[in-house]
Amino acid sequence: MHDFNIASNHYRLASQLLACLTISGGDAWSEFTQEVQALLLDFERYALAEAALRALPINDALAVSLEVIGAAGRPMPAALGGMGTARNWAMMATRAELKAYALASFEAMPPGDQAAFLDHINPKQKDQAA
């Protein structure tokens, strides 16, 4: 009985996917998303998402992923709020954004600021050298 329910769910989703591809507008895709959430197991949703992303060129796959995840976008200029603004942005940023902006910011610093930054994030190094 359990296998029949799974197969029934899969046929239902396949039928809805066909309708989405045929209609290709309105709320069809939104309704399909709700059905996917309701009827597929976690590993099935993962496989479906992975297959769809792999079918896209890398930049399009990244753009879709960031749209779904809700990337933070560019940080606000520090003059508009300083560390508070930066910390708020960082809480919304994706891991990729955090890594990219952190490295780019560090590389753009003058050598003295880089050294001070490294001392700030790893104060043990300074204590161990003494």
N, C-alpha and C. Protein backbone atom coordinates (compact mmCIF):
# COMPACT_ATOMS: atom_id res chain seq x y z
N MET A 1 0.83 -1.19 0.00
CA MET A 1 0.00 0.00 0.00
C MET A 1 0.87 1.25 0.00
N HIS A 2 1.95 1.22 0.78
CA HIS A 2 2.85 2.37 0.86
C HIS A 2 3.45 2.69 -0.52
N ASP A 3 3.89 1.68 -1.25
CA ASP A 3 4.48 1.90 -2.57
C ASP A 3 3.46 2.47 -3.55
N PHE A 4 2.19 2.04 -3.41
CA PHE A 4 1.14 2.56 -4.28
C PHE A 4 0.96 4.06 -4.06
N ASN A 5 0.99 4.50 -2.79
CA ASN A 5 0.85 5.92 -2.48
C ASN A 5 1.99 6.73 -3.07
N ILE A 6 3.20 6.20 -2.98
CA ILE A 6 4.36 6.90 -3.55
C ILE A 6 4.20 7.02 -5.06
N ALA A 7 3.85 5.93 -5.72
CA ALA A 7 3.66 5.96 -7.17
C ALA A 7 2.53 6.91 -7.54
N SER A 8 1.47 6.91 -6.77
CA SER A 8 0.34 7.81 -7.03
C SER A 8 0.78 9.27 -6.91
N ASN A 9 1.57 9.57 -5.89
CA ASN A 9 2.10 10.93 -5.72
C ASN A 9 2.98 11.33 -6.90
N HIS A 10 3.79 10.40 -7.36
CA HIS A 10 4.70 10.69 -8.48
C HIS A 10 3.91 10.95 -9.76
N TYR A 11 2.88 10.14 -10.01
CA TYR A 11 2.04 10.37 -11.20
C TYR A 11 1.33 11.71 -11.11
N ARG A 12 0.86 12.05 -9.92
CA ARG A 12 0.19 13.33 -9.72
C ARG A 12 1.14 14.49 -10.02
N LEU A 13 2.37 14.39 -9.52
CA LEU A 13 3.36 15.46 -9.78
C LEU A 13 3.75 15.51 -11.25
N ALA A 14 3.88 14.36 -11.88
CA ALA A 14 4.22 14.34 -13.30
C ALA A 14 3.13 15.01 -14.12
N SER A 15 1.89 14.77 -13.75
CA SER A 15 0.77 15.41 -14.43
C SER A 15 0.80 16.92 -14.23
N GLN A 16 1.11 17.36 -13.02
CA GLN A 16 1.19 18.80 -12.75
C GLN A 16 2.36 19.44 -13.48
N LEU A 17 3.48 18.72 -13.56
CA LEU A 17 4.63 19.25 -14.29
C LEU A 17 4.27 19.43 -15.76
N LEU A 18 3.60 18.48 -16.33
CA LEU A 18 3.15 18.59 -17.73
C LEU A 18 2.25 19.81 -17.90
N ALA A 19 1.36 20.02 -16.95
CA ALA A 19 0.47 21.18 -17.03
C ALA A 19 1.28 22.48 -16.94
N CYS A 20 2.27 22.53 -16.05
CA CYS A 20 3.12 23.73 -15.92
C CYS A 20 3.86 24.01 -17.21
N LEU A 21 4.41 22.98 -17.81
CA LEU A 21 5.17 23.15 -19.05
C LEU A 21 4.26 23.57 -20.20
N THR A 22 3.02 23.14 -20.17
CA THR A 22 2.06 23.47 -21.22
C THR A 22 1.49 24.88 -21.02
N ILE A 23 1.09 25.16 -19.79
CA ILE A 23 0.49 26.46 -19.48
C ILE A 23 1.57 27.54 -19.38
N SER A 24 2.62 27.22 -18.64
CA SER A 24 3.79 28.07 -18.46
C SER A 24 3.45 29.50 -18.06
N GLY A 25 2.56 29.63 -17.12
CA GLY A 25 2.23 30.96 -16.64
C GLY A 25 1.31 30.90 -15.45
N GLY A 26 0.92 32.07 -14.98
CA GLY A 26 0.00 32.15 -13.86
C GLY A 26 0.58 31.56 -12.60
N ASP A 27 -0.27 30.89 -11.86
CA ASP A 27 0.14 30.31 -10.58
C ASP A 27 0.56 28.85 -10.71
N ALA A 28 0.66 28.36 -11.93
CA ALA A 28 0.93 26.93 -12.13
C ALA A 28 2.23 26.50 -11.45
N TRP A 29 3.30 27.26 -11.61
CA TRP A 29 4.58 26.88 -11.02
C TRP A 29 4.55 27.00 -9.50
N SER A 30 3.86 28.00 -8.99
CA SER A 30 3.74 28.16 -7.54
C SER A 30 2.97 26.97 -6.94
N GLU A 31 1.90 26.57 -7.60
CA GLU A 31 1.13 25.42 -7.15
C GLU A 31 1.96 24.14 -7.24
N PHE A 32 2.76 24.03 -8.29
CA PHE A 32 3.63 22.86 -8.45
C PHE A 32 4.62 22.80 -7.29
N THR A 33 5.19 23.94 -6.92
CA THR A 33 6.13 24.00 -5.80
C THR A 33 5.47 23.49 -4.52
N GLN A 34 4.25 23.91 -4.28
CA GLN A 34 3.52 23.46 -3.08
C GLN A 34 3.29 21.95 -3.11
N GLU A 35 2.98 21.43 -4.28
CA GLU A 35 2.76 19.99 -4.40
C GLU A 35 4.08 19.22 -4.20
N VAL A 36 5.16 19.75 -4.73
CA VAL A 36 6.47 19.12 -4.54
C VAL A 36 6.79 19.05 -3.05
N GLN A 37 6.54 20.15 -2.34
CA GLN A 37 6.78 20.16 -0.90
C GLN A 37 5.92 19.13 -0.17
N ALA A 38 4.70 18.99 -0.60
CA ALA A 38 3.76 18.11 0.09
C ALA A 38 3.95 16.64 -0.25
N LEU A 39 4.34 16.35 -1.48
CA LEU A 39 4.29 14.96 -1.95
C LEU A 39 5.63 14.25 -2.08
N LEU A 40 6.72 14.99 -2.16
CA LEU A 40 8.02 14.34 -2.34
C LEU A 40 8.78 14.27 -1.03
N LEU A 41 9.57 13.24 -0.91
CA LEU A 41 10.46 13.10 0.24
C LEU A 41 11.65 14.05 0.08
N ASP A 42 12.35 14.31 1.17
CA ASP A 42 13.48 15.25 1.13
C ASP A 42 14.48 14.90 0.03
N PHE A 43 14.89 13.62 -0.04
CA PHE A 43 15.91 13.25 -1.02
C PHE A 43 15.38 13.42 -2.46
N GLU A 44 14.08 13.26 -2.65
CA GLU A 44 13.50 13.44 -3.98
C GLU A 44 13.50 14.92 -4.37
N ARG A 45 13.16 15.79 -3.42
CA ARG A 45 13.21 17.24 -3.69
C ARG A 45 14.64 17.68 -3.98
N TYR A 46 15.58 17.17 -3.23
CA TYR A 46 16.99 17.50 -3.45
C TYR A 46 17.41 17.08 -4.86
N ALA A 47 17.08 15.86 -5.24
CA ALA A 47 17.46 15.35 -6.57
C ALA A 47 16.81 16.16 -7.68
N LEU A 48 15.55 16.53 -7.50
CA LEU A 48 14.84 17.34 -8.49
C LEU A 48 15.50 18.72 -8.64
N ALA A 49 15.81 19.35 -7.52
CA ALA A 49 16.46 20.66 -7.56
C ALA A 49 17.84 20.57 -8.20
N GLU A 50 18.60 19.56 -7.83
CA GLU A 50 19.93 19.39 -8.39
C GLU A 50 19.87 19.17 -9.90
N ALA A 51 18.95 18.34 -10.35
CA ALA A 51 18.82 18.08 -11.78
C ALA A 51 18.46 19.36 -12.54
N ALA A 52 17.54 20.14 -11.98
CA ALA A 52 17.14 21.38 -12.64
C ALA A 52 18.30 22.37 -12.70
N LEU A 53 19.06 22.50 -11.61
CA LEU A 53 20.19 23.44 -11.61
C LEU A 53 21.31 22.98 -12.55
N ARG A 54 21.56 21.68 -12.59
CA ARG A 54 22.61 21.17 -13.49
C ARG A 54 22.24 21.35 -14.96
N ALA A 55 20.96 21.49 -15.25
CA ALA A 55 20.52 21.68 -16.63
C ALA A 55 20.74 23.12 -17.11
N LEU A 56 21.08 24.02 -16.19
CA LEU A 56 21.29 25.42 -16.54
C LEU A 56 22.78 25.73 -16.69
N PRO A 57 23.10 26.75 -17.48
CA PRO A 57 24.48 27.25 -17.48
C PRO A 57 24.83 27.72 -16.07
N ILE A 58 26.09 27.63 -15.69
CA ILE A 58 26.52 27.88 -14.31
C ILE A 58 26.06 29.24 -13.78
N ASN A 59 26.17 30.29 -14.56
CA ASN A 59 25.76 31.63 -14.09
C ASN A 59 24.26 31.70 -13.85
N ASP A 60 23.48 31.04 -14.69
CA ASP A 60 22.04 31.01 -14.49
C ASP A 60 21.68 30.18 -13.26
N ALA A 61 22.37 29.05 -13.07
CA ALA A 61 22.13 28.21 -11.89
C ALA A 61 22.44 28.99 -10.62
N LEU A 62 23.53 29.75 -10.64
CA LEU A 62 23.90 30.56 -9.48
C LEU A 62 22.85 31.65 -9.24
N ALA A 63 22.40 32.30 -10.31
CA ALA A 63 21.40 33.36 -10.17
C ALA A 63 20.09 32.81 -9.59
N VAL A 64 19.67 31.65 -10.07
CA VAL A 64 18.45 31.03 -9.55
C VAL A 64 18.64 30.66 -8.08
N SER A 65 19.77 30.07 -7.76
CA SER A 65 20.03 29.67 -6.37
C SER A 65 20.00 30.87 -5.44
N LEU A 66 20.66 31.95 -5.85
CA LEU A 66 20.69 33.15 -5.01
C LEU A 66 19.32 33.78 -4.89
N GLU A 67 18.52 33.70 -5.93
CA GLU A 67 17.16 34.23 -5.88
C GLU A 67 16.33 33.44 -4.85
N VAL A 68 16.48 32.13 -4.86
CA VAL A 68 15.72 31.29 -3.94
C VAL A 68 16.21 31.47 -2.51
N ILE A 69 17.53 31.49 -2.34
CA ILE A 69 18.11 31.60 -1.00
C ILE A 69 17.88 32.99 -0.42
N GLY A 70 17.85 33.99 -1.28
CA GLY A 70 17.68 35.35 -0.81
C GLY A 70 19.00 35.98 -0.42
N ALA A 71 19.91 36.05 -1.36
CA ALA A 71 21.22 36.63 -1.08
C ALA A 71 21.07 38.08 -0.62
N ALA A 72 22.04 38.53 0.15
CA ALA A 72 21.99 39.87 0.73
C ALA A 72 22.34 40.96 -0.27
N GLY A 73 23.02 40.60 -1.35
CA GLY A 73 23.44 41.62 -2.31
C GLY A 73 24.63 42.40 -1.79
N ARG A 74 24.85 43.56 -2.37
CA ARG A 74 26.01 44.37 -1.96
C ARG A 74 25.79 44.94 -0.57
N PRO A 75 26.89 45.02 0.22
CA PRO A 75 26.76 45.67 1.53
C PRO A 75 26.55 47.17 1.37
N MET A 76 25.93 47.77 2.37
CA MET A 76 25.74 49.22 2.39
C MET A 76 27.08 49.89 2.66
N PRO A 77 27.29 51.09 2.15
CA PRO A 77 28.53 51.81 2.46
C PRO A 77 28.65 52.03 3.97
N ALA A 78 29.85 51.88 4.50
CA ALA A 78 30.08 52.02 5.94
C ALA A 78 29.67 53.39 6.45
N ALA A 79 29.77 54.41 5.61
CA ALA A 79 29.42 55.77 6.03
C ALA A 79 27.94 55.88 6.38
N LEU A 80 27.13 54.94 5.93
CA LEU A 80 25.70 54.99 6.21
C LEU A 80 25.31 54.23 7.48
N GLY A 81 26.26 53.67 8.18
CA GLY A 81 25.88 52.97 9.40
C GLY A 81 27.00 52.22 10.09
N GLY A 82 28.14 52.13 9.51
CA GLY A 82 29.29 51.50 10.17
C GLY A 82 29.10 50.03 10.47
N MET A 83 29.64 49.61 11.63
CA MET A 83 29.67 48.18 11.98
C MET A 83 28.29 47.59 12.16
N GLY A 84 27.35 48.37 12.69
CA GLY A 84 25.99 47.83 12.85
C GLY A 84 25.40 47.43 11.52
N THR A 85 25.55 48.29 10.53
CA THR A 85 25.04 48.00 9.19
C THR A 85 25.77 46.81 8.59
N ALA A 86 27.08 46.77 8.78
CA ALA A 86 27.89 45.66 8.25
C ALA A 86 27.47 44.33 8.89
N ARG A 87 27.25 44.35 10.20
CA ARG A 87 26.83 43.12 10.89
C ARG A 87 25.45 42.67 10.45
N ASN A 88 24.54 43.61 10.25
CA ASN A 88 23.20 43.25 9.76
C ASN A 88 23.28 42.63 8.38
N TRP A 89 24.10 43.23 7.50
CA TRP A 89 24.28 42.68 6.16
C TRP A 89 24.84 41.26 6.25
N ALA A 90 25.84 41.08 7.12
CA ALA A 90 26.51 39.77 7.23
C ALA A 90 25.54 38.69 7.71
N MET A 91 24.56 39.04 8.52
CA MET A 91 23.58 38.05 8.99
C MET A 91 22.69 37.58 7.84
N MET A 92 22.51 38.41 6.82
CA MET A 92 21.65 38.04 5.69
C MET A 92 22.44 37.45 4.52
N ALA A 93 23.75 37.63 4.52
CA ALA A 93 24.58 37.22 3.39
C ALA A 93 24.72 35.70 3.31
N THR A 94 24.90 35.22 2.10
CA THR A 94 25.19 33.80 1.91
C THR A 94 26.64 33.54 2.26
N ARG A 95 26.98 32.29 2.42
CA ARG A 95 28.37 31.91 2.70
C ARG A 95 29.29 32.42 1.60
N ALA A 96 28.88 32.27 0.35
CA ALA A 96 29.70 32.72 -0.78
C ALA A 96 29.92 34.23 -0.73
N GLU A 97 28.86 34.99 -0.39
CA GLU A 97 29.01 36.44 -0.28
C GLU A 97 29.98 36.80 0.85
N LEU A 98 29.82 36.15 1.99
CA LEU A 98 30.71 36.44 3.12
C LEU A 98 32.16 36.20 2.75
N LYS A 99 32.43 35.07 2.13
CA LYS A 99 33.81 34.74 1.76
C LYS A 99 34.35 35.71 0.73
N ALA A 100 33.56 36.03 -0.28
CA ALA A 100 34.03 36.92 -1.35
C ALA A 100 34.31 38.32 -0.83
N TYR A 101 33.38 38.89 -0.07
CA TYR A 101 33.57 40.25 0.43
C TYR A 101 34.67 40.32 1.48
N ALA A 102 34.78 39.28 2.32
CA ALA A 102 35.84 39.27 3.34
C ALA A 102 37.21 39.26 2.69
N LEU A 103 37.40 38.38 1.71
CA LEU A 103 38.70 38.30 1.05
C LEU A 103 39.00 39.57 0.25
N ALA A 104 38.03 40.05 -0.49
CA ALA A 104 38.24 41.26 -1.28
C ALA A 104 38.54 42.45 -0.38
N SER A 105 37.85 42.55 0.74
CA SER A 105 38.10 43.65 1.67
C SER A 105 39.49 43.54 2.27
N PHE A 106 39.87 42.34 2.68
CA PHE A 106 41.20 42.14 3.26
C PHE A 106 42.28 42.49 2.25
N GLU A 107 42.13 42.01 1.03
CA GLU A 107 43.14 42.27 0.00
C GLU A 107 43.25 43.76 -0.35
N ALA A 108 42.17 44.51 -0.17
CA ALA A 108 42.18 45.93 -0.50
C ALA A 108 42.78 46.78 0.62
N MET A 109 42.99 46.20 1.79
CA MET A 109 43.54 46.95 2.93
C MET A 109 45.03 47.22 2.74
N PRO A 110 45.50 48.34 3.24
CA PRO A 110 46.95 48.57 3.28
C PRO A 110 47.60 47.54 4.22
N PRO A 111 48.89 47.26 4.04
CA PRO A 111 49.56 46.22 4.85
C PRO A 111 49.41 46.41 6.36
N GLY A 112 49.46 47.63 6.84
CA GLY A 112 49.32 47.87 8.28
C GLY A 112 47.94 47.48 8.79
N ASP A 113 46.90 47.80 8.00
CA ASP A 113 45.54 47.41 8.38
C ASP A 113 45.35 45.90 8.30
N GLN A 114 46.00 45.26 7.32
CA GLN A 114 45.93 43.80 7.25
C GLN A 114 46.53 43.18 8.50
N ALA A 115 47.69 43.69 8.94
CA ALA A 115 48.34 43.15 10.14
C ALA A 115 47.46 43.37 11.37
N ALA A 116 46.88 44.56 11.50
CA ALA A 116 46.00 44.84 12.63
C ALA A 116 44.77 43.93 12.60
N PHE A 117 44.24 43.70 11.42
CA PHE A 117 43.08 42.82 11.29
C PHE A 117 43.44 41.40 11.72
N LEU A 118 44.58 40.90 11.26
CA LEU A 118 45.01 39.56 11.64
C LEU A 118 45.23 39.46 13.15
N ASP A 119 45.80 40.50 13.76
CA ASP A 119 45.96 40.51 15.22
C ASP A 119 44.60 40.48 15.92
N HIS A 120 43.63 41.18 15.34
CA HIS A 120 42.30 41.23 15.94
C HIS A 120 41.60 39.88 15.87
N ILE A 121 41.70 39.19 14.75
CA ILE A 121 40.97 37.92 14.63
C ILE A 121 41.73 36.74 15.23
N ASN A 122 43.03 36.90 15.47
CA ASN A 122 43.82 35.81 16.06
C ASN A 122 44.78 36.38 17.10
N PRO A 123 44.27 36.85 18.23
CA PRO A 123 45.15 37.47 19.23
C PRO A 123 46.10 36.48 19.87
N LYS A 124 45.82 35.17 19.79
CA LYS A 124 46.71 34.16 20.38
C LYS A 124 48.09 34.20 19.75
N GLN A 125 48.17 34.46 18.44
CA GLN A 125 49.46 34.50 17.75
C GLN A 125 50.38 35.52 18.40
N LYS A 126 49.84 36.69 18.75
CA LYS A 126 50.62 37.75 19.35
C LYS A 126 51.10 37.32 20.75
N ASP A 127 50.22 36.68 21.52
CA ASP A 127 50.57 36.24 22.88
C ASP A 127 51.60 35.12 22.85
N GLN A 128 51.51 34.21 21.87
CA GLN A 128 52.44 33.09 21.77
C GLN A 128 53.82 33.54 21.32
N ALA A 129 53.90 34.60 20.54
CA ALA A 129 55.20 35.08 20.04
C ALA A 129 56.01 35.74 21.16
N ALA A 130 55.34 36.23 22.19
CA ALA A 130 56.04 36.94 23.28
C ALA A 130 56.73 35.99 24.22
